[in-house]
Amino acid sequence: MIETKIKQIVRDVNDFPKPGIVFKDITPILKDAGLCNEIVAALAAQLSEIQVDVVAGIESRGFLFGMSLANYLGVPFVPMRKAGKLPYKTVQHSYDLEYGSATLEIHEDAFLPGQRVLIHDDLLATGGTVIAASRLIEKLEAEVAGYSFIIALDFLNGRDRLLEFSPNNYALASY
């Protein structure tokens, strides 16, 4: 089972990025090409019932599997980045995090109106960053088709916050 494999290889890093937080480090997964392929196939299988026109990955963690997932699905990949990192005209959304604030941006021509966009990130915590990504998609008149994550920290209730945008919320491993 993919959830068991993920939980066996992900490592906990205590007090990162600040005291009291237990960070789920997925970088050990990246050393196992076979597991990476299994993860992408499992993510795609979860999406079989929904229409996805574009995959948007959130910097930088969402780039790792988001691009592979987009290729697997045969759809475009769009990066969502921190402010000041994209070279063309952008649309921005600022938001609060558990430990600070941030601004997320996307190229103004990233999506066509009405396109169904899957947002991918490696981990869902409280949902703040993913909500900012959802708001950017709405600003560009596209639709949030759903969300895919490798890990969801269910005790933080991030999934509940995403229901405003889409009921399609998938994670391969939950804590």
Protein backbone atom coordinates (compact mmCIF):
# COMPACT_ATOMS: atom_id res chain seq x y z
CA MET A 1 0.00 0.00 0.00
CA ILE A 2 1.36 3.41 -1.03
CA GLU A 3 0.45 5.10 2.28
CA THR A 4 2.54 2.59 4.22
CA LYS A 5 5.51 3.06 1.90
CA ILE A 6 5.31 6.84 2.23
CA LYS A 7 5.05 6.73 6.01
CA GLN A 8 8.03 4.37 6.24
CA ILE A 9 10.32 6.68 4.28
CA VAL A 10 9.19 10.22 5.29
CA ARG A 11 11.24 11.51 8.19
CA ASP A 12 10.18 13.82 11.00
CA VAL A 13 12.38 16.83 11.67
CA ASN A 14 11.65 18.34 15.06
CA ASP A 15 11.57 22.10 15.63
CA PHE A 16 11.71 23.04 11.93
CA PRO A 17 11.16 25.72 10.72
CA LYS A 18 10.56 26.89 14.29
CA PRO A 19 10.34 25.33 17.77
CA GLY A 20 7.32 23.09 18.33
CA ILE A 21 6.78 22.15 14.68
CA VAL A 22 7.43 18.59 13.49
CA PHE A 23 8.30 18.93 9.80
CA LYS A 24 7.45 16.02 7.48
CA ASP A 25 10.50 15.74 5.19
CA ILE A 26 9.72 14.05 1.86
CA THR A 27 13.25 14.34 0.44
CA PRO A 28 14.05 10.68 1.26
CA ILE A 29 11.30 9.74 -1.22
CA LEU A 30 13.27 11.45 -3.99
CA LYS A 31 16.09 8.92 -3.62
CA ASP A 32 13.76 6.11 -4.75
CA ALA A 33 12.81 6.49 -8.43
CA GLY A 34 10.48 3.49 -8.28
CA LEU A 35 8.55 4.95 -5.34
CA CYS A 36 8.38 8.32 -7.11
CA ASN A 37 6.78 6.60 -10.10
CA GLU A 38 4.34 4.77 -7.82
CA ILE A 39 3.38 8.04 -6.16
CA VAL A 40 2.66 9.76 -9.47
CA ALA A 41 0.57 6.79 -10.66
CA ALA A 42 -1.33 6.71 -7.35
CA LEU A 43 -2.00 10.46 -7.50
CA ALA A 44 -3.29 10.10 -11.06
CA ALA A 45 -5.49 7.15 -10.09
CA GLN A 46 -7.17 9.25 -7.39
CA LEU A 47 -8.05 11.82 -10.04
CA SER A 48 -9.68 9.42 -12.49
CA GLU A 49 -13.20 10.71 -11.76
CA ILE A 50 -12.50 14.42 -12.28
CA GLN A 51 -11.61 16.51 -15.32
CA VAL A 52 -8.20 18.18 -15.04
CA ASP A 53 -7.10 20.64 -17.74
CA VAL A 54 -4.00 21.99 -15.96
CA VAL A 55 -1.88 21.06 -12.93
CA ALA A 56 -0.62 24.00 -10.85
CA GLY A 57 2.23 23.30 -8.45
CA ILE A 58 2.99 25.48 -5.46
CA GLU A 59 6.64 26.58 -5.02
CA SER A 60 8.76 24.75 -4.47
CA ARG A 61 7.46 21.55 -2.97
CA GLY A 62 4.60 21.27 -5.44
CA PHE A 63 7.00 21.36 -8.37
CA LEU A 64 8.61 18.00 -7.52
CA PHE A 65 5.60 15.81 -8.18
CA GLY A 66 3.30 18.36 -9.81
CA MET A 67 5.27 18.46 -13.05
CA SER A 68 5.50 14.66 -13.17
CA LEU A 69 1.77 14.38 -12.49
CA ALA A 70 0.96 16.87 -15.27
CA ASN A 71 3.13 14.89 -17.70
CA TYR A 72 1.49 11.62 -16.62
CA LEU A 73 -1.98 13.16 -17.18
CA GLY A 74 -0.91 14.75 -20.48
CA VAL A 75 -1.84 18.29 -19.38
CA PRO A 76 0.13 21.53 -18.92
CA PHE A 77 1.97 22.38 -15.71
CA VAL A 78 1.88 25.90 -14.26
CA PRO A 79 4.16 27.03 -11.42
CA MET A 80 2.80 29.17 -8.61
CA ARG A 81 5.70 31.07 -7.05
CA LYS A 82 6.68 33.37 -4.25
CA ALA A 83 6.52 37.07 -5.10
CA GLY A 84 9.21 38.38 -7.42
CA LYS A 85 10.22 35.02 -8.92
CA LEU A 86 8.23 35.03 -12.20
CA PRO A 87 9.54 37.03 -15.18
CA TYR A 88 6.27 38.02 -16.87
CA LYS A 89 3.20 40.00 -15.72
CA THR A 90 1.69 38.42 -12.63
CA VAL A 91 -1.36 38.27 -10.41
CA GLN A 92 -0.68 38.05 -6.66
CA HIS A 93 -2.41 37.01 -3.46
CA SER A 94 -1.03 37.66 0.04
CA TYR A 95 -1.92 35.42 2.97
CA ASP A 96 -0.97 34.41 6.50
CA LEU A 97 0.90 31.23 7.41
CA GLU A 98 1.21 29.38 10.70
CA TYR A 99 4.56 31.13 11.19
CA GLY A 100 4.42 34.38 9.18
CA SER A 101 2.95 35.78 5.99
CA ALA A 102 3.68 35.38 2.30
CA THR A 103 2.62 36.35 -1.21
CA LEU A 104 1.97 33.85 -3.97
CA GLU A 105 1.91 34.82 -7.64
CA ILE A 106 1.19 33.38 -11.05
CA HIS A 107 1.56 34.63 -14.62
CA GLU A 108 -1.54 36.50 -15.70
CA ASP A 109 -1.89 34.23 -18.75
CA ALA A 110 -1.40 30.94 -16.86
CA PHE A 111 -4.94 29.67 -17.44
CA LEU A 112 -7.79 30.21 -19.83
CA PRO A 113 -11.13 31.23 -18.34
CA GLY A 114 -13.09 28.12 -17.40
CA GLN A 115 -10.13 25.74 -17.33
CA ARG A 116 -10.23 23.17 -14.55
CA VAL A 117 -7.05 23.41 -12.49
CA LEU A 118 -5.72 20.78 -10.09
CA ILE A 119 -3.56 22.29 -7.35
CA HIS A 120 -0.72 20.04 -6.23
CA ASP A 121 1.54 20.38 -3.22
CA ASP A 122 3.48 17.77 -1.28
CA LEU A 123 1.83 18.51 2.06
CA LEU A 124 -1.42 19.98 3.33
CA ALA A 125 -1.25 21.56 6.81
CA THR A 126 -3.69 24.36 7.68
CA GLY A 127 -4.41 25.13 4.01
CA GLY A 128 -3.33 28.78 3.96
CA THR A 129 -1.03 28.51 0.95
CA VAL A 130 -3.46 26.31 -0.96
CA ILE A 131 -6.30 28.76 -0.32
CA ALA A 132 -4.09 31.55 -1.71
CA ALA A 133 -3.47 29.38 -4.78
CA SER A 134 -7.22 28.79 -5.12
CA ARG A 135 -7.90 32.53 -4.97
CA LEU A 136 -5.34 33.13 -7.73
CA ILE A 137 -7.06 30.57 -9.93
CA GLU A 138 -10.38 32.32 -9.35
CA LYS A 139 -8.82 35.72 -10.16
CA LEU A 140 -7.90 34.30 -13.57
CA GLU A 141 -11.49 33.03 -14.03
CA ALA A 142 -10.46 29.39 -13.99
CA GLU A 143 -11.98 26.72 -11.74
CA VAL A 144 -10.38 24.68 -8.96
CA ALA A 145 -10.94 21.08 -10.09
CA GLY A 146 -9.42 19.71 -6.90
CA TYR A 147 -6.31 19.19 -4.82
CA SER A 148 -3.67 16.49 -4.62
CA PHE A 149 -1.14 16.03 -1.85
CA ILE A 150 1.35 13.37 -0.91
CA ILE A 151 0.68 14.02 2.80
CA ALA A 152 -2.22 15.61 4.70
CA LEU A 153 -1.91 16.60 8.35
CA ASP A 154 -5.59 15.96 9.10
CA PHE A 155 -5.33 17.12 12.72
CA LEU A 156 -4.88 20.69 11.39
CA ASN A 157 -8.21 20.58 9.50
CA GLY A 158 -6.86 22.03 6.25
CA ARG A 159 -9.17 19.84 4.15
CA ASP A 160 -12.25 21.47 5.68
CA ARG A 161 -11.02 24.90 4.59
CA LEU A 162 -10.68 23.76 0.97
CA LEU A 163 -14.32 22.70 0.60
CA GLU A 164 -15.18 26.29 -0.30
CA PHE A 165 -13.35 25.75 -3.59
CA SER A 166 -13.75 22.04 -4.41
CA PRO A 167 -14.88 18.80 -2.75
CA ASN A 168 -12.12 16.92 -4.61
CA ASN A 169 -9.29 16.66 -2.11
CA TYR A 170 -6.85 13.75 -2.30
CA ALA A 171 -3.85 12.75 -0.20
CA LEU A 172 -1.83 9.55 -0.37
CA ALA A 173 -0.89 9.54 3.34
CA SER A 174 -2.68 11.10 6.29
CA TYR A 175 -1.39 11.88 9.76
